[in-house]
Amino acid sequence: MRLMPPFFERVKAWTALVSLLILHVSVLSFAQEEASSPKQQKLDSQTLGKMLEQRVKELDSNKLRDRDQSEAAIVALGPQVIDLLPPVSDADSEEFRMRIERVRTQLEKQEKSQLTTPSYVTLSGVMTGADALTKISEMTGNKIELEGVASLTKSVTAAFDKTPFWEAFDEVLDQLGLTVASGDGEDIRLIPLPEAAPLRIETAGYSGVFRLEPMMISKVSNLQDPTNSYLTIDILFSWEPRLNPSLIKFQVEGMELVCDNGEILTPSSDAELEFAPVGGSQMQASLTVQMPTREAKRIAKWNGKVFATLPGKLASVAFTDLVNTNNKTLTNGMLSVTLEQARKNRDIYEVLVGVSLKASEDGKGSVQSWASLQDVFMFDKDLKRIENVGWSTTRMGENDVGMSYVFEKEGDLKGCKFIFRAPGSLNEEEIDFELVDIPLP
């Protein structure tokens, strides 16, 4: 296989740019920290960048052995290198594109497993609540804010052997007499458990990385038309803090709520309940069902399914020539960005791009929410970062979004680089949940 000198220059330039990106760009709130497997050593970005530089070059070596060894070596580094892989374009060789995409596919499978598999806690002994929660946080990568929280000096007994995060966390909080303040988009904020409140472990339903808890039930009686009376159930839906879902759908079809007297409560609508979380580790949702009879005292069992979309690690594309580039497309995983035009508009510069993300039929609705999870900026010729001062949507399709970004900059665009960073994948997960023994008003 023939190697072209421009290819080495492109890889070297890209690797240098990536290193600068990692050094100068703060990770966004939606960037997700995954736990390394025992065989994958966690390395800093500079070290990873240096390791990748040669390995990426060798993916297009004229020796099959070098190509195979480099591909295996990159995969062995794990999902921590996903956001350091270079984008591909038609200018790259077919062999290079094939191997980069194959590497990415394997790493994204590892990443999906980390995103959809619960974090586990192995911890035993008697210790203070502060020590227990700190160790749980360190083991799982889930941030737990402890500053200013009372009762953390109390002793707790831990007996966890590969216990899922939420169950271990709830058990420790129950021993400390603490709970989590509820609210849309809230992070984990610990508060005292009300004296009359049940234990967290008794009211929750667990499913992988998710936790569900009924919060409130309200009866609405229509006195003029009793057939239009209904029951509203508010639930708190939480996920491990290391994650940041972009879309949550409660699948109403097939949902089953069975009362203690055998009554089955039917949801008032067959439409899916769809939510775009606003951050944090939890969101509140409401479900309306038919009114039960007075004989029903409890919901004995509530089974259902939730569809969740979890964005993967950030992917970057970098356009290094804004003066002479129009309609150039770079692809990084599922993320594809086309630089349509960079132009001056009076005293500002406008950069028009088309962005698309591959998604399954079920995941198309999450593309719109994903579109806001972006970090878009420029580097000038001196590698000074220039933030965009505004953006707008020029078109919106199921998997395609047209966007305009505005920059204030003196001089021309010669030597400037346009950087687009966004999650490079959407990991779609369908989960089953079960809640039991919910008292009716």
Protein backbone atom coordinates (compact mmCIF):
# COMPACT_ATOMS: atom_id res chain seq x y z
CA MET A 1 0.00 0.00 0.00
CA ARG A 2 1.43 3.39 -0.99
CA LEU A 3 1.75 6.07 1.69
CA MET A 4 1.25 9.68 0.73
CA PRO A 5 3.25 12.38 2.55
CA PRO A 6 0.18 14.67 2.87
CA PHE A 7 -1.48 11.93 4.92
CA PHE A 8 1.31 12.04 7.52
CA GLU A 9 1.07 15.81 7.62
CA ARG A 10 -2.70 15.62 8.11
CA VAL A 11 -2.45 13.08 10.91
CA LYS A 12 0.33 15.02 12.63
CA ALA A 13 -1.65 18.26 12.37
CA TRP A 14 -4.81 16.58 13.61
CA THR A 15 -3.03 14.97 16.58
CA ALA A 16 -1.49 18.28 17.57
CA LEU A 17 -4.87 19.97 17.31
CA VAL A 18 -6.49 17.27 19.42
CA SER A 19 -3.88 17.72 22.13
CA LEU A 20 -4.56 21.45 22.15
CA LEU A 21 -8.29 20.83 22.27
CA ILE A 22 -7.92 18.59 25.28
CA LEU A 23 -5.66 21.11 27.02
CA HIS A 24 -7.77 24.18 26.26
CA VAL A 25 -11.34 22.88 26.19
CA SER A 26 -13.22 22.21 29.43
CA VAL A 27 -15.33 19.14 29.33
CA LEU A 28 -19.03 20.01 29.01
CA SER A 29 -21.55 19.10 31.69
CA PHE A 30 -22.93 16.35 29.50
CA ALA A 31 -19.50 14.69 29.03
CA GLN A 32 -19.70 11.39 30.77
CA GLU A 33 -16.93 9.73 32.80
CA GLU A 34 -16.91 5.99 32.30
CA ALA A 35 -15.26 3.48 34.60
CA SER A 36 -12.24 1.72 33.13
CA SER A 37 -12.24 -2.05 32.94
CA PRO A 38 -9.46 -3.78 34.86
CA LYS A 39 -7.43 -4.23 31.65
CA GLN A 40 -7.77 -0.61 30.53
CA GLN A 41 -5.46 1.80 32.30
CA LYS A 42 -6.81 5.32 32.76
CA LEU A 43 -4.35 7.73 31.15
CA ASP A 44 -4.21 11.50 30.83
CA SER A 45 -5.09 13.09 27.48
CA GLN A 46 -1.54 14.13 26.62
CA THR A 47 -0.23 10.61 27.13
CA LEU A 48 -3.09 9.15 25.10
CA GLY A 49 -2.49 11.65 22.31
CA LYS A 50 1.16 10.63 22.03
CA MET A 51 0.28 6.92 22.07
CA LEU A 52 -2.32 7.39 19.38
CA GLU A 53 -0.19 9.46 17.02
CA GLN A 54 1.94 6.56 15.83
CA ARG A 55 -0.83 4.00 16.08
CA VAL A 56 -3.14 6.05 13.88
CA LYS A 57 -0.41 6.47 11.26
CA GLU A 58 0.17 2.71 11.18
CA LEU A 59 -3.51 2.04 10.40
CA ASP A 60 -2.54 2.92 6.83
CA SER A 61 0.84 1.15 6.82
CA ASN A 62 1.84 -0.92 3.80
CA LYS A 63 2.39 -3.86 6.18
CA LEU A 64 -0.68 -5.84 7.17
CA ARG A 65 0.92 -6.85 10.48
CA ASP A 66 1.48 -3.22 11.48
CA ARG A 67 -2.10 -2.32 10.58
CA ASP A 68 -3.54 -5.22 12.59
CA GLN A 69 -1.31 -4.59 15.62
CA SER A 70 -2.12 -0.88 15.69
CA GLU A 71 -5.85 -1.51 15.40
CA ALA A 72 -5.73 -3.98 18.31
CA ALA A 73 -3.62 -1.60 20.40
CA ILE A 74 -6.08 1.27 19.96
CA VAL A 75 -9.04 -0.94 20.85
CA ALA A 76 -7.19 -2.11 23.98
CA LEU A 77 -7.08 1.48 25.26
CA GLY A 78 -10.86 1.42 25.61
CA PRO A 79 -13.56 4.10 25.27
CA GLN A 80 -11.31 6.77 26.82
CA VAL A 81 -9.81 7.37 23.35
CA ILE A 82 -13.06 7.71 21.41
CA ASP A 83 -12.96 11.50 21.45
CA LEU A 84 -9.31 11.47 20.31
CA LEU A 85 -9.89 9.47 17.13
CA PRO A 86 -9.57 11.60 13.99
CA PRO A 87 -12.53 12.20 11.69
CA VAL A 88 -12.47 10.71 8.22
CA SER A 89 -13.21 12.15 4.81
CA ASP A 90 -13.19 11.04 1.18
CA ALA A 91 -9.57 12.18 0.94
CA ASP A 92 -8.47 9.32 3.22
CA SER A 93 -7.63 5.89 1.87
CA GLU A 94 -10.32 3.21 1.92
CA GLU A 95 -8.15 1.11 4.22
CA PHE A 96 -7.74 3.95 6.72
CA ARG A 97 -11.47 4.76 6.75
CA MET A 98 -12.39 1.10 7.18
CA ARG A 99 -10.04 0.58 10.12
CA ILE A 100 -10.95 3.81 11.90
CA GLU A 101 -14.64 2.95 11.66
CA ARG A 102 -14.00 -0.62 12.80
CA VAL A 103 -12.04 0.64 15.80
CA ARG A 104 -14.77 3.12 16.60
CA THR A 105 -17.48 0.48 16.39
CA GLN A 106 -15.67 -1.76 18.88
CA LEU A 107 -14.97 1.10 21.28
CA GLU A 108 -18.57 2.32 21.12
CA LYS A 109 -19.78 -1.18 21.99
CA GLN A 110 -17.56 -1.05 25.08
CA GLU A 111 -18.84 2.42 25.86
CA LYS A 112 -22.48 1.38 25.53
CA SER A 113 -21.88 -1.46 27.95
CA GLN A 114 -20.41 1.00 30.45
CA LEU A 115 -23.29 3.44 29.97
CA THR A 116 -26.08 0.88 30.29
CA THR A 117 -24.56 -1.42 32.94
CA PRO A 118 -24.95 -0.29 36.55
CA SER A 119 -21.90 0.67 38.57
CA TYR A 120 -21.20 -1.85 41.32
CA VAL A 121 -20.12 -1.34 44.91
CA THR A 122 -18.00 -3.77 46.92
CA LEU A 123 -17.56 -2.45 50.43
CA SER A 124 -17.74 -3.96 53.90
CA GLY A 125 -17.20 -2.95 57.50
CA VAL A 126 -18.23 -0.24 59.94
CA MET A 127 -17.33 3.32 58.96
CA THR A 128 -18.67 6.84 59.05
CA GLY A 129 -21.35 7.83 56.58
CA ALA A 130 -18.93 10.29 55.00
CA ASP A 131 -16.36 7.55 54.39
CA ALA A 132 -18.96 5.16 52.98
CA LEU A 133 -20.42 7.70 50.56
CA THR A 134 -16.96 8.90 49.49
CA LYS A 135 -15.86 5.36 48.71
CA ILE A 136 -19.10 4.63 46.83
CA SER A 137 -18.57 7.78 44.77
CA GLU A 138 -14.95 6.85 43.97
CA MET A 139 -15.86 3.27 43.01
CA THR A 140 -18.69 4.22 40.67
CA GLY A 141 -17.67 7.58 39.24
CA ASN A 142 -20.95 9.06 40.52
CA LYS A 143 -20.55 12.49 42.10
CA ILE A 144 -22.11 12.84 45.55
CA GLU A 145 -21.93 16.29 47.14
CA LEU A 146 -21.27 15.96 50.89
CA GLU A 147 -20.37 19.50 51.90
CA GLY A 148 -22.70 20.90 54.54
CA VAL A 149 -24.62 17.64 55.02
CA ALA A 150 -25.47 16.71 58.61
CA SER A 151 -25.32 13.21 60.09
CA LEU A 152 -22.31 12.10 58.06
CA THR A 153 -20.28 11.37 61.19
CA LYS A 154 -22.74 8.64 62.19
CA SER A 155 -21.52 5.07 61.77
CA VAL A 156 -22.95 2.81 59.10
CA THR A 157 -22.46 -0.88 58.40
CA ALA A 158 -21.62 -1.75 54.81
CA ALA A 159 -22.00 -5.28 53.47
CA PHE A 160 -21.95 -4.78 49.72
CA ASP A 161 -20.62 -7.36 47.28
CA LYS A 162 -21.02 -6.16 43.70
CA THR A 163 -24.17 -4.31 44.75
CA PRO A 164 -25.63 -1.90 42.15
CA PHE A 165 -24.98 1.76 42.92
CA TRP A 166 -28.54 2.84 43.66
CA GLU A 167 -29.22 0.01 46.10
CA ALA A 168 -25.98 0.53 48.01
CA PHE A 169 -26.50 4.30 48.02
CA ASP A 170 -30.08 4.01 49.31
CA GLU A 171 -29.11 1.60 52.06
CA VAL A 172 -26.41 3.95 53.37
CA LEU A 173 -28.79 6.92 53.26
CA ASP A 174 -31.43 4.95 55.15
CA GLN A 175 -28.92 4.19 57.90
CA LEU A 176 -28.02 7.89 58.08
CA GLY A 177 -31.61 9.12 58.02
CA LEU A 178 -31.01 11.04 54.78
CA THR A 179 -32.70 11.25 51.40
CA VAL A 180 -32.25 13.11 48.09
CA ALA A 181 -34.10 16.35 47.45
CA SER A 182 -36.42 15.80 44.49
CA GLY A 183 -36.85 18.11 41.52
CA ASP A 184 -36.45 18.39 37.75
CA GLY A 185 -32.84 18.64 36.66
CA GLU A 186 -31.49 18.47 40.22
CA ASP A 187 -28.14 16.95 41.13
CA ILE A 188 -27.85 14.66 44.15
CA ARG A 189 -28.48 16.95 47.12
CA LEU A 190 -28.77 15.20 50.47
CA ILE A 191 -31.36 16.35 53.00
CA PRO A 192 -32.79 14.81 56.21
CA LEU A 193 -35.38 12.09 55.66
CA PRO A 194 -38.74 13.30 57.07
CA GLU A 195 -39.64 11.44 60.23
CA ALA A 196 -42.84 9.93 58.81
CA ALA A 197 -41.34 9.06 55.44
CA PRO A 198 -40.69 5.42 54.45
CA LEU A 199 -37.16 4.21 53.84
CA ARG A 200 -35.78 4.82 50.36
CA ILE A 201 -35.04 1.13 49.83
CA GLU A 202 -38.71 0.30 50.51
CA THR A 203 -40.30 2.61 47.94
CA ALA A 204 -37.88 2.47 45.01
CA GLY A 205 -37.84 0.35 41.89
CA TYR A 206 -34.45 -0.40 40.37
CA SER A 207 -33.54 -1.16 36.77
CA GLY A 208 -29.88 -1.08 35.84
CA VAL A 209 -28.55 2.48 35.98
CA PHE A 210 -32.03 3.86 36.72
CA ARG A 211 -34.15 4.32 39.83
CA LEU A 212 -37.88 5.05 40.00
CA GLU A 213 -39.89 6.17 43.01
CA PRO A 214 -43.58 7.16 43.31
CA MET A 215 -43.81 10.67 44.78
CA MET A 216 -47.46 11.66 44.89
CA ILE A 217 -50.89 10.32 43.96
CA SER A 218 -53.84 12.65 43.40
CA LYS A 219 -57.49 11.81 42.80
CA VAL A 220 -59.53 14.16 40.64
CA SER A 221 -63.27 13.53 40.99
CA ASN A 222 -65.52 14.97 38.32
CA LEU A 223 -68.79 15.48 40.21
CA GLN A 224 -70.82 16.24 37.08
CA ASP A 225 -69.44 13.31 35.07
CA PRO A 226 -67.87 10.67 37.34
CA THR A 227 -66.69 8.70 34.29
CA ASN A 228 -64.17 11.49 33.65
CA SER A 229 -62.59 11.17 37.09
CA TYR A 230 -58.94 10.09 37.11
CA LEU A 231 -55.85 9.36 39.16
CA THR A 232 -52.52 11.17 38.66
CA ILE A 233 -49.30 9.48 39.73
CA ASP A 234 -46.12 11.57 40.01
CA ILE A 235 -42.88 9.63 39.90
CA LEU A 236 -39.23 10.56 40.31
CA PHE A 237 -37.02 9.04 37.63
CA SER A 238 -33.30 9.09 38.47
CA TRP A 239 -30.14 7.92 36.74
CA GLU A 240 -26.58 7.47 37.90
CA PRO A 241 -24.96 10.94 38.07
CA ARG A 242 -22.16 9.86 35.68
CA LEU A 243 -24.80 9.73 32.91
CA ASN A 244 -26.80 12.40 31.12
CA PRO A 245 -29.79 11.05 29.14
CA SER A 246 -30.92 13.20 26.25
CA LEU A 247 -34.37 11.60 25.91
CA ILE A 248 -36.69 9.58 28.16
CA LYS A 249 -39.86 7.87 26.89
CA PHE A 250 -42.34 6.06 29.10
CA GLN A 251 -44.02 3.46 26.90
CA VAL A 252 -47.68 3.58 27.88
CA GLU A 253 -48.70 0.69 25.64
CA GLY A 254 -48.38 -2.52 27.64
CA MET A 255 -48.06 -0.68 30.97
CA GLU A 256 -49.86 -2.56 33.73
CA LEU A 257 -51.09 -1.24 37.09
CA VAL A 258 -52.77 -3.91 39.21
CA CYS A 259 -54.54 -3.02 42.49
CA ASP A 260 -54.71 -5.16 45.58
CA ASN A 261 -58.32 -6.12 44.76
CA GLY A 262 -57.46 -7.21 41.23
CA GLU A 263 -58.53 -4.03 39.45
CA ILE A 264 -56.37 -3.05 36.48
CA LEU A 265 -55.90 0.68 36.01
CA THR A 266 -55.62 1.76 32.39
CA PRO A 267 -53.57 4.83 31.35
CA SER A 268 -55.78 7.63 30.04
CA SER A 269 -53.81 7.90 26.80
CA ASP A 270 -51.95 5.44 24.60
CA ALA A 271 -49.41 8.12 23.65
CA GLU A 272 -45.84 7.76 24.89
CA LEU A 273 -44.74 10.18 27.60
CA GLU A 274 -41.63 11.82 26.17
CA PHE A 275 -39.22 14.02 28.10
CA ALA A 276 -35.92 15.76 27.36
CA PRO A 277 -34.11 15.97 30.72
CA VAL A 278 -32.71 19.37 31.60
CA GLY A 279 -29.60 18.10 33.38
CA GLY A 280 -28.84 16.85 36.84
CA SER A 281 -29.56 13.28 37.91
CA GLN A 282 -33.35 13.18 38.01
CA MET A 283 -36.62 14.30 36.47
CA GLN A 284 -40.27 14.20 37.50
CA ALA A 285 -42.99 12.68 35.34
CA SER A 286 -46.74 12.29 35.71
CA LEU A 287 -49.03 9.52 34.50
CA THR A 288 -52.81 9.77 34.39
CA VAL A 289 -54.85 6.57 34.82
CA GLN A 290 -58.50 5.73 35.34
CA MET A 291 -60.00 6.20 38.80
CA PRO A 292 -60.01 3.01 40.91
CA THR A 293 -63.02 1.98 42.99
CA ARG A 294 -63.12 2.62 46.73
CA GLU A 295 -62.36 -1.06 47.34
CA ALA A 296 -58.85 -0.64 45.95
CA LYS A 297 -56.44 0.39 48.71
CA ARG A 298 -53.07 -0.04 47.03
CA ILE A 299 -51.42 -0.50 43.66
CA ALA A 300 -49.97 -3.93 44.28
CA LYS A 301 -47.81 -3.99 41.14
CA TRP A 302 -46.92 -1.51 38.42
CA ASN A 303 -44.96 -2.88 35.47
CA GLY A 304 -43.75 -0.87 32.50
CA LYS A 305 -40.97 -0.02 30.08
CA VAL A 306 -38.86 3.09 29.64
CA PHE A 307 -36.87 3.97 26.53
CA ALA A 308 -33.75 6.03 27.32
CA THR A 309 -31.16 7.61 25.04
CA LEU A 310 -27.68 8.10 26.52
CA PRO A 311 -25.20 10.27 24.59
CA GLY A 312 -21.69 8.86 24.28
CA LYS A 313 -18.36 10.62 24.60
CA LEU A 314 -17.65 13.82 22.77
CA ALA A 315 -16.48 13.63 19.19
CA SER A 316 -14.64 16.47 17.45
CA VAL A 317 -14.27 17.60 13.88
CA ALA A 318 -11.92 20.42 12.92
CA PHE A 319 -12.03 22.46 9.70
CA THR A 320 -8.62 24.04 9.23
CA ASP A 321 -9.27 26.18 6.13
CA LEU A 322 -12.30 28.45 6.45
CA VAL A 323 -11.33 30.68 3.55
CA ASN A 324 -11.32 28.09 0.74
CA THR A 325 -13.64 25.39 2.12
CA ASN A 326 -17.29 25.05 1.11
CA ASN A 327 -19.51 21.99 1.55
CA LYS A 328 -16.75 19.83 3.01
CA THR A 329 -17.92 16.94 5.18
CA LEU A 330 -16.05 15.32 8.06
CA THR A 331 -17.36 12.26 9.88
CA ASN A 332 -16.50 11.15 13.39
CA GLY A 333 -18.49 8.09 14.45
CA MET A 334 -22.21 8.77 14.13
CA LEU A 335 -21.49 12.49 13.91
CA SER A 336 -21.23 14.01 10.45
CA VAL A 337 -20.60 17.75 9.97
CA THR A 338 -20.62 19.63 6.68
CA LEU A 339 -19.02 23.06 6.57
CA GLU A 340 -21.38 24.73 4.11
CA GLN A 341 -19.96 28.24 4.17
CA ALA A 342 -17.99 30.71 6.30
CA ARG A 343 -18.78 34.31 5.40
CA LYS A 344 -18.55 37.84 6.71
CA ASN A 345 -21.82 39.52 7.58
CA ARG A 346 -21.14 43.19 8.32
CA ASP A 347 -18.98 43.23 11.48
CA ILE A 348 -19.31 39.54 12.32
CA TYR A 349 -18.50 36.18 10.78
CA GLU A 350 -21.16 33.55 10.21
CA VAL A 351 -20.36 29.85 9.86
CA LEU A 352 -23.09 27.68 8.33
CA VAL A 353 -22.98 23.94 8.97
CA GLY A 354 -25.12 20.91 8.41
CA VAL A 355 -25.01 18.34 11.20
CA SER A 356 -26.38 14.81 11.07
CA LEU A 357 -26.36 11.91 13.47
CA LYS A 358 -27.22 8.34 12.64
CA ALA A 359 -29.98 6.99 14.87
CA SER A 360 -32.41 4.10 14.89
CA GLU A 361 -36.11 4.59 14.23
CA ASP A 362 -36.79 4.67 17.98
CA GLY A 363 -34.01 7.15 18.60
CA LYS A 364 -34.86 9.76 15.97
CA GLY A 365 -36.74 11.91 18.45
CA SER A 366 -33.60 12.28 20.53
CA VAL A 367 -31.63 13.93 17.72
CA GLN A 368 -33.32 17.27 18.37
CA SER A 369 -32.39 17.16 22.06
CA TRP A 370 -28.88 15.97 21.16
CA ALA A 371 -28.48 19.01 18.88
CA SER A 372 -28.18 21.28 21.93
CA LEU A 373 -25.33 19.20 23.47
CA GLN A 374 -22.58 20.97 21.60
CA ASP A 375 -19.40 22.95 22.10
CA VAL A 376 -18.65 25.03 18.99
CA PHE A 377 -15.80 27.53 18.76
CA MET A 378 -12.84 28.76 16.70
CA PHE A 379 -9.09 28.93 17.16
CA ASP A 380 -7.44 31.95 15.57
CA LYS A 381 -4.04 31.70 13.91
CA ASP A 382 -2.38 32.07 17.34
CA LEU A 383 -4.50 29.23 18.77
CA LYS A 384 -6.54 31.62 20.91
CA ARG A 385 -10.00 30.25 21.49
CA ILE A 386 -12.90 32.34 20.16
CA GLU A 387 -16.36 31.51 21.47
CA ASN A 388 -19.43 31.81 19.30
CA VAL A 389 -21.68 34.68 20.41
CA GLY A 390 -24.89 33.13 19.19
CA TRP A 391 -26.39 30.42 17.06
CA SER A 392 -29.64 29.65 15.30
CA THR A 393 -31.25 26.69 13.57
CA THR A 394 -31.68 27.07 9.82
CA ARG A 395 -33.45 23.75 9.26
CA MET A 396 -34.54 20.75 11.32
CA GLY A 397 -35.02 17.21 10.04
CA GLU A 398 -35.34 13.85 11.76
CA ASN A 399 -31.60 13.19 11.64
CA ASP A 400 -30.30 16.41 10.12
CA VAL A 401 -29.94 19.89 11.58
CA GLY A 402 -28.79 23.04 9.80
CA MET A 403 -27.12 25.57 12.10
CA SER A 404 -25.61 29.03 11.90
CA TYR A 405 -22.91 30.15 14.36
CA VAL A 406 -21.86 33.78 14.78
CA PHE A 407 -18.38 34.94 15.81
CA GLU A 408 -16.99 38.37 16.61
CA LYS A 409 -13.44 38.60 15.28
CA GLU A 410 -11.15 41.27 13.97
CA GLY A 411 -9.34 40.65 10.71
CA ASP A 412 -9.99 37.83 8.28
CA LEU A 413 -10.37 34.06 8.74
CA LYS A 414 -7.00 33.11 7.34
CA GLY A 415 -5.31 30.57 9.63
CA CYS A 416 -8.44 30.07 11.74
CA LYS A 417 -9.85 26.66 12.65
CA PHE A 418 -13.53 25.87 13.24
CA ILE A 419 -14.14 23.19 15.89
CA PHE A 420 -17.41 21.32 16.36
CA ARG A 421 -17.72 19.02 19.40
CA ALA A 422 -20.77 16.94 20.26
CA PRO A 423 -21.55 13.41 21.47
CA GLY A 424 -20.44 11.03 18.75
CA SER A 425 -23.08 8.42 19.48
CA LEU A 426 -26.54 7.91 20.94
CA ASN A 427 -26.87 4.74 22.97
CA GLU A 428 -30.47 3.59 23.07
CA GLU A 429 -31.69 1.42 25.92
CA GLU A 430 -35.08 -0.09 26.72
CA ILE A 431 -35.51 -0.92 30.40
CA ASP A 432 -38.17 -2.76 32.38
CA PHE A 433 -39.30 -1.43 35.72
CA GLU A 434 -41.55 -2.63 38.53
CA LEU A 435 -42.98 -0.70 41.45
CA VAL A 436 -44.93 -2.47 44.18
CA ASP A 437 -47.19 -1.75 47.13
CA ILE A 438 -48.09 1.88 46.39
CA PRO A 439 -50.79 3.19 48.80
CA LEU A 440 -53.82 4.89 47.23
CA PRO A 441 -55.38 8.03 48.76
